[in-house]
Amino acid sequence: MRKQEPGNPSSPKGFERASRKQNQEVEKLRAENVELTNLVKRTQADFVNFKNRVELEKKDWIKFGEGSVVIELLGIMDNFGEAAKHVPEDIKENDWVIGIKNIEKQFEEILSSKGLVMIEAVGKEFDPNFHEAIFSEESDKPEGTVLDVFSNGYMYDDKVLRPAKVKVAKGKEL
């Protein structure tokens, strides 16, 4: 017959020790499992956040690129507008003049559909965030009122692409 020894797993004390050791191992493995599961979840969340951030940055770069193109097209649109203003009265009904006006209108419609918004200026209070004062003159209008626009200002994607160049009312000199 075998003698029961404390280190012998077949003895009750040996069995208890082996059982405790296995339970400790199981608890250690469970803790590691929880830790690794949390790490995987955090990594997945980080990846989703990264993916969303990259998508937003991509959209911002596209908007930035569109904004750069829009700024360049504004010059062309301005030139069409200036040309239309200086057409002599006797040829305003010529087909080519009407064609130029239609091109200008088409430019405005396309840029407007892409989010371009003209800044309102005449009669408004001067705001350096939206207007650039080129000239000021005495007027019966309140000081700081925009009297005239030399060059239209535009906003794109809620940002000022180009401020309106304006004439502003100043107080009368005494």
C-alpha atoms as a PDB file:
ATOM      1  CA  MET A   1       0.000   0.000   0.000  1.00  0.00           C
ATOM      2  CA  ARG A   2       1.110   3.505  -0.741  1.00  0.00           C
ATOM      3  CA  LYS A   3       1.889   5.896   1.904  1.00  0.00           C
ATOM      4  CA  GLN A   4      -0.060   9.172   1.736  1.00  0.00           C
ATOM      5  CA  GLU A   5       2.335  12.064   1.408  1.00  0.00           C
ATOM      6  CA  PRO A   6       1.540  15.763   1.246  1.00  0.00           C
ATOM      7  CA  GLY A   7       3.301  16.132  -2.168  1.00  0.00           C
ATOM      8  CA  ASN A   8       1.605  13.071  -3.620  1.00  0.00           C
ATOM      9  CA  PRO A   9      -1.402  14.059  -5.829  1.00  0.00           C
ATOM     10  CA  SER A  10      -3.244  10.927  -4.761  1.00  0.00           C
ATOM     11  CA  SER A  11      -3.258  12.056  -1.166  1.00  0.00           C
ATOM     12  CA  PRO A  12      -6.048  14.435  -0.066  1.00  0.00           C
ATOM     13  CA  LYS A  13      -3.596  17.230   0.802  1.00  0.00           C
ATOM     14  CA  GLY A  14      -1.702  16.728  -2.446  1.00  0.00           C
ATOM     15  CA  PHE A  15      -4.970  16.765  -4.368  1.00  0.00           C
ATOM     16  CA  GLU A  16      -6.012  20.039  -2.692  1.00  0.00           C
ATOM     17  CA  ARG A  17      -2.681  21.649  -3.556  1.00  0.00           C
ATOM     18  CA  ALA A  18      -2.867  20.477  -7.166  1.00  0.00           C
ATOM     19  CA  SER A  19      -6.482  21.639  -7.364  1.00  0.00           C
ATOM     20  CA  ARG A  20      -5.578  25.084  -5.931  1.00  0.00           C
ATOM     21  CA  LYS A  21      -2.679  25.362  -8.349  1.00  0.00           C
ATOM     22  CA  GLN A  22      -4.945  24.493 -11.282  1.00  0.00           C
ATOM     23  CA  ASN A  23      -7.576  26.981 -10.094  1.00  0.00           C
ATOM     24  CA  GLN A  24      -4.896  29.673  -9.875  1.00  0.00           C
ATOM     25  CA  GLU A  25      -3.762  28.811 -13.405  1.00  0.00           C
ATOM     26  CA  VAL A  26      -7.363  28.943 -14.650  1.00  0.00           C
ATOM     27  CA  GLU A  27      -7.890  32.351 -12.984  1.00  0.00           C
ATOM     28  CA  LYS A  28      -4.616  33.611 -14.430  1.00  0.00           C
ATOM     29  CA  LEU A  29      -5.676  32.425 -17.900  1.00  0.00           C
ATOM     30  CA  ARG A  30      -9.125  34.010 -17.478  1.00  0.00           C
ATOM     31  CA  ALA A  31      -7.516  37.327 -16.504  1.00  0.00           C
ATOM     32  CA  GLU A  32      -5.203  37.120 -19.523  1.00  0.00           C
ATOM     33  CA  ASN A  33      -8.201  36.299 -21.710  1.00  0.00           C
ATOM     34  CA  VAL A  34     -10.102  39.354 -20.429  1.00  0.00           C
ATOM     35  CA  GLU A  35      -7.014  41.522 -20.933  1.00  0.00           C
ATOM     36  CA  LEU A  36      -6.487  40.242 -24.483  1.00  0.00           C
ATOM     37  CA  THR A  37     -10.195  40.594 -25.308  1.00  0.00           C
ATOM     38  CA  ASN A  38     -10.104  44.213 -24.112  1.00  0.00           C
ATOM     39  CA  LEU A  39      -6.940  44.823 -26.130  1.00  0.00           C
ATOM     40  CA  VAL A  40      -8.618  43.441 -29.268  1.00  0.00           C
ATOM     41  CA  LYS A  41     -11.697  45.617 -28.649  1.00  0.00           C
ATOM     42  CA  ARG A  42      -9.542  48.740 -28.155  1.00  0.00           C
ATOM     43  CA  THR A  43      -7.552  47.916 -31.286  1.00  0.00           C
ATOM     44  CA  GLN A  44     -10.767  47.462 -33.260  1.00  0.00           C
ATOM     45  CA  ALA A  45     -12.120  50.774 -31.946  1.00  0.00           C
ATOM     46  CA  ASP A  46      -8.823  52.500 -32.765  1.00  0.00           C
ATOM     47  CA  PHE A  47      -8.993  51.096 -36.283  1.00  0.00           C
ATOM     48  CA  VAL A  48     -12.581  52.274 -36.776  1.00  0.00           C
ATOM     49  CA  ASN A  49     -11.611  55.740 -35.481  1.00  0.00           C
ATOM     50  CA  PHE A  50      -8.564  55.778 -37.764  1.00  0.00           C
ATOM     51  CA  LYS A  51     -10.689  54.752 -40.738  1.00  0.00           C
ATOM     52  CA  ASN A  52     -13.241  57.500 -39.980  1.00  0.00           C
ATOM     53  CA  ARG A  53     -10.486  60.094 -39.529  1.00  0.00           C
ATOM     54  CA  VAL A  54      -8.895  59.111 -42.856  1.00  0.00           C
ATOM     55  CA  GLU A  55     -12.287  59.403 -44.563  1.00  0.00           C
ATOM     56  CA  LEU A  56     -12.836  62.887 -43.090  1.00  0.00           C
ATOM     57  CA  GLU A  57      -9.340  63.974 -44.108  1.00  0.00           C
ATOM     58  CA  LYS A  58      -9.976  62.649 -47.602  1.00  0.00           C
ATOM     59  CA  LYS A  59     -13.185  64.686 -47.814  1.00  0.00           C
ATOM     60  CA  ASP A  60     -11.327  67.762 -46.508  1.00  0.00           C
ATOM     61  CA  TRP A  61      -8.615  67.346 -49.162  1.00  0.00           C
ATOM     62  CA  ILE A  62     -11.254  66.977 -51.857  1.00  0.00           C
ATOM     63  CA  LYS A  63     -13.008  70.126 -50.595  1.00  0.00           C
ATOM     64  CA  PHE A  64      -9.654  71.928 -50.443  1.00  0.00           C
ATOM     65  CA  GLY A  65      -8.925  70.886 -54.024  1.00  0.00           C
ATOM     66  CA  GLU A  66     -12.380  71.951 -55.147  1.00  0.00           C
ATOM     67  CA  GLY A  67     -11.921  75.270 -53.335  1.00  0.00           C
ATOM     68  CA  SER A  68      -8.634  75.894 -55.151  1.00  0.00           C
ATOM     69  CA  VAL A  69     -10.285  75.236 -58.504  1.00  0.00           C
ATOM     70  CA  VAL A  70     -13.267  77.399 -57.571  1.00  0.00           C
ATOM     71  CA  ILE A  71     -10.954  80.316 -56.694  1.00  0.00           C
ATOM     72  CA  GLU A  72      -9.370  80.089 -60.140  1.00  0.00           C
ATOM     73  CA  LEU A  73     -12.774  79.878 -61.829  1.00  0.00           C
ATOM     74  CA  LEU A  74     -13.965  82.983 -59.952  1.00  0.00           C
ATOM     75  CA  GLY A  75     -11.538  85.089 -61.980  1.00  0.00           C
ATOM     76  CA  ILE A  76     -13.037  83.781 -65.213  1.00  0.00           C
ATOM     77  CA  MET A  77     -16.559  84.365 -63.908  1.00  0.00           C
ATOM     78  CA  ASP A  78     -15.591  87.930 -62.898  1.00  0.00           C
ATOM     79  CA  ASN A  79     -14.255  88.577 -66.402  1.00  0.00           C
ATOM     80  CA  PHE A  80     -17.510  87.395 -67.982  1.00  0.00           C
ATOM     81  CA  GLY A  81     -19.416  89.682 -65.616  1.00  0.00           C
ATOM     82  CA  GLU A  82     -17.222  92.670 -66.457  1.00  0.00           C
ATOM     83  CA  ALA A  83     -17.538  91.954 -70.176  1.00  0.00           C
ATOM     84  CA  ALA A  84     -21.331  91.809 -69.864  1.00  0.00           C
ATOM     85  CA  LYS A  85     -21.388  95.171 -68.022  1.00  0.00           C
ATOM     86  CA  HIS A  86     -19.506  96.925 -70.828  1.00  0.00           C
ATOM     87  CA  VAL A  87     -21.487  95.712 -73.837  1.00  0.00           C
ATOM     88  CA  PRO A  88     -22.746  98.718 -75.825  1.00  0.00           C
ATOM     89  CA  GLU A  89     -26.538  99.116 -75.813  1.00  0.00           C
ATOM     90  CA  ASP A  90     -26.870  98.769 -79.588  1.00  0.00           C
ATOM     91  CA  ILE A  91     -25.429  95.198 -79.620  1.00  0.00           C
ATOM     92  CA  LYS A  92     -26.894  93.763 -76.395  1.00  0.00           C
ATOM     93  CA  GLU A  93     -29.300  91.579 -78.389  1.00  0.00           C
ATOM     94  CA  ASN A  94     -26.612  90.027 -80.629  1.00  0.00           C
ATOM     95  CA  ASP A  95     -26.441  86.246 -80.371  1.00  0.00           C
ATOM     96  CA  TRP A  96     -22.797  86.217 -79.281  1.00  0.00           C
ATOM     97  CA  VAL A  97     -23.526  88.695 -76.469  1.00  0.00           C
ATOM     98  CA  ILE A  98     -26.432  86.545 -75.306  1.00  0.00           C
ATOM     99  CA  GLY A  99     -24.087  83.533 -75.525  1.00  0.00           C
ATOM    100  CA  ILE A 100     -21.540  85.244 -73.260  1.00  0.00           C
ATOM    101  CA  LYS A 101     -24.274  86.056 -70.740  1.00  0.00           C
ATOM    102  CA  ASN A 102     -25.452  82.430 -70.866  1.00  0.00           C
ATOM    103  CA  ILE A 103     -21.905  81.197 -70.200  1.00  0.00           C
ATOM    104  CA  GLU A 104     -21.665  83.553 -67.211  1.00  0.00           C
ATOM    105  CA  LYS A 105     -25.020  82.280 -65.908  1.00  0.00           C
ATOM    106  CA  GLN A 106     -23.923  78.663 -66.405  1.00  0.00           C
ATOM    107  CA  PHE A 107     -20.700  79.331 -64.468  1.00  0.00           C
ATOM    108  CA  GLU A 108     -22.720  80.822 -61.608  1.00  0.00           C
ATOM    109  CA  GLU A 109     -25.175  77.900 -61.560  1.00  0.00           C
ATOM    110  CA  ILE A 110     -22.452  75.237 -61.588  1.00  0.00           C
ATOM    111  CA  LEU A 111     -20.423  76.906 -58.842  1.00  0.00           C
ATOM    112  CA  SER A 112     -23.569  77.541 -56.805  1.00  0.00           C
ATOM    113  CA  SER A 113     -24.546  73.865 -57.101  1.00  0.00           C
ATOM    114  CA  LYS A 114     -21.105  72.967 -55.701  1.00  0.00           C
ATOM    115  CA  GLY A 115     -21.705  75.146 -52.629  1.00  0.00           C
ATOM    116  CA  LEU A 116     -20.377  78.554 -53.674  1.00  0.00           C
ATOM    117  CA  VAL A 117     -22.311  81.405 -52.026  1.00  0.00           C
ATOM    118  CA  MET A 118     -21.936  85.088 -52.880  1.00  0.00           C
ATOM    119  CA  ILE A 119     -21.381  87.323 -49.845  1.00  0.00           C
ATOM    120  CA  GLU A 120     -24.110  89.932 -49.414  1.00  0.00           C
ATOM    121  CA  ALA A 121     -22.541  93.352 -49.073  1.00  0.00           C
ATOM    122  CA  VAL A 122     -24.397  96.488 -50.268  1.00  0.00           C
ATOM    123  CA  GLY A 123     -26.391  98.024 -47.422  1.00  0.00           C
ATOM    124  CA  LYS A 124     -24.858  95.681 -44.855  1.00  0.00           C
ATOM    125  CA  GLU A 125     -22.597  96.755 -42.011  1.00  0.00           C
ATOM    126  CA  PHE A 126     -18.924  96.370 -42.893  1.00  0.00           C
ATOM    127  CA  ASP A 127     -17.519  93.137 -41.459  1.00  0.00           C
ATOM    128  CA  PRO A 128     -13.778  92.503 -41.925  1.00  0.00           C
ATOM    129  CA  ASN A 129     -14.477  88.765 -41.865  1.00  0.00           C
ATOM    130  CA  PHE A 130     -16.421  89.084 -45.131  1.00  0.00           C
ATOM    131  CA  HIS A 131     -15.476  92.457 -46.624  1.00  0.00           C
ATOM    132  CA  GLU A 132     -12.268  94.198 -47.648  1.00  0.00           C
ATOM    133  CA  ALA A 133     -12.567  97.999 -47.597  1.00  0.00           C
ATOM    134  CA  ILE A 134     -10.944  99.432 -50.721  1.00  0.00           C
ATOM    135  CA  PHE A 135     -12.385 102.909 -50.465  1.00  0.00           C
ATOM    136  CA  SER A 136     -14.442 105.024 -48.074  1.00  0.00           C
ATOM    137  CA  GLU A 137     -16.475 108.149 -48.660  1.00  0.00           C
ATOM    138  CA  GLU A 138     -18.772 110.478 -46.786  1.00  0.00           C
ATOM    139  CA  SER A 139     -22.385 109.446 -47.018  1.00  0.00           C
ATOM    140  CA  ASP A 140     -25.768 110.023 -45.459  1.00  0.00           C
ATOM    141  CA  LYS A 141     -25.765 106.296 -44.631  1.00  0.00           C
ATOM    142  CA  PRO A 142     -24.596 105.213 -41.156  1.00  0.00           C
ATOM    143  CA  GLU A 143     -20.841 104.986 -40.766  1.00  0.00           C
ATOM    144  CA  GLY A 144     -19.534 101.535 -41.656  1.00  0.00           C
ATOM    145  CA  THR A 145     -22.324 100.757 -44.128  1.00  0.00           C
ATOM    146  CA  VAL A 146     -21.180  99.110 -47.360  1.00  0.00           C
ATOM    147  CA  LEU A 147     -22.088 101.480 -50.201  1.00  0.00           C
ATOM    148  CA  ASP A 148     -20.796  99.643 -53.259  1.00  0.00           C
ATOM    149  CA  VAL A 149     -19.040  96.424 -54.302  1.00  0.00           C
ATOM    150  CA  PHE A 150     -16.009  96.508 -56.579  1.00  0.00           C
ATOM    151  CA  SER A 151     -15.522  92.747 -56.576  1.00  0.00           C
ATOM    152  CA  ASN A 152     -17.969  90.170 -55.242  1.00  0.00           C
ATOM    153  CA  GLY A 153     -16.896  88.037 -52.316  1.00  0.00           C
ATOM    154  CA  TYR A 154     -17.640  84.340 -52.043  1.00  0.00           C
ATOM    155  CA  MET A 155     -17.918  81.619 -49.438  1.00  0.00           C
ATOM    156  CA  TYR A 156     -17.379  77.928 -50.024  1.00  0.00           C
ATOM    157  CA  ASP A 157     -18.033  75.185 -47.490  1.00  0.00           C
ATOM    158  CA  ASP A 158     -18.777  77.855 -44.826  1.00  0.00           C
ATOM    159  CA  LYS A 159     -15.351  79.460 -45.353  1.00  0.00           C
ATOM    160  CA  VAL A 160     -14.566  82.778 -47.001  1.00  0.00           C
ATOM    161  CA  LEU A 161     -12.812  82.046 -50.287  1.00  0.00           C
ATOM    162  CA  ARG A 162     -12.548  85.683 -51.212  1.00  0.00           C
ATOM    163  CA  PRO A 163     -13.824  88.704 -49.283  1.00  0.00           C
ATOM    164  CA  ALA A 164     -15.979  91.254 -51.111  1.00  0.00           C
ATOM    165  CA  LYS A 165     -13.984  94.361 -52.069  1.00  0.00           C
ATOM    166  CA  VAL A 166     -16.184  97.253 -51.039  1.00  0.00           C
ATOM    167  CA  LYS A 167     -16.663 100.994 -50.597  1.00  0.00           C
ATOM    168  CA  VAL A 168     -17.674 101.930 -47.044  1.00  0.00           C
ATOM    169  CA  ALA A 169     -19.515 104.971 -45.652  1.00  0.00           C
ATOM    170  CA  LYS A 170     -17.525 107.159 -43.303  1.00  0.00           C
ATOM    171  CA  GLY A 171     -18.664 109.927 -41.014  1.00  0.00           C
ATOM    172  CA  LYS A 172     -18.826 113.477 -42.321  1.00  0.00           C
ATOM    173  CA  GLU A 173     -15.800 115.584 -41.542  1.00  0.00           C
ATOM    174  CA  LEU A 174     -16.495 118.737 -39.538  1.00  0.00           C
END
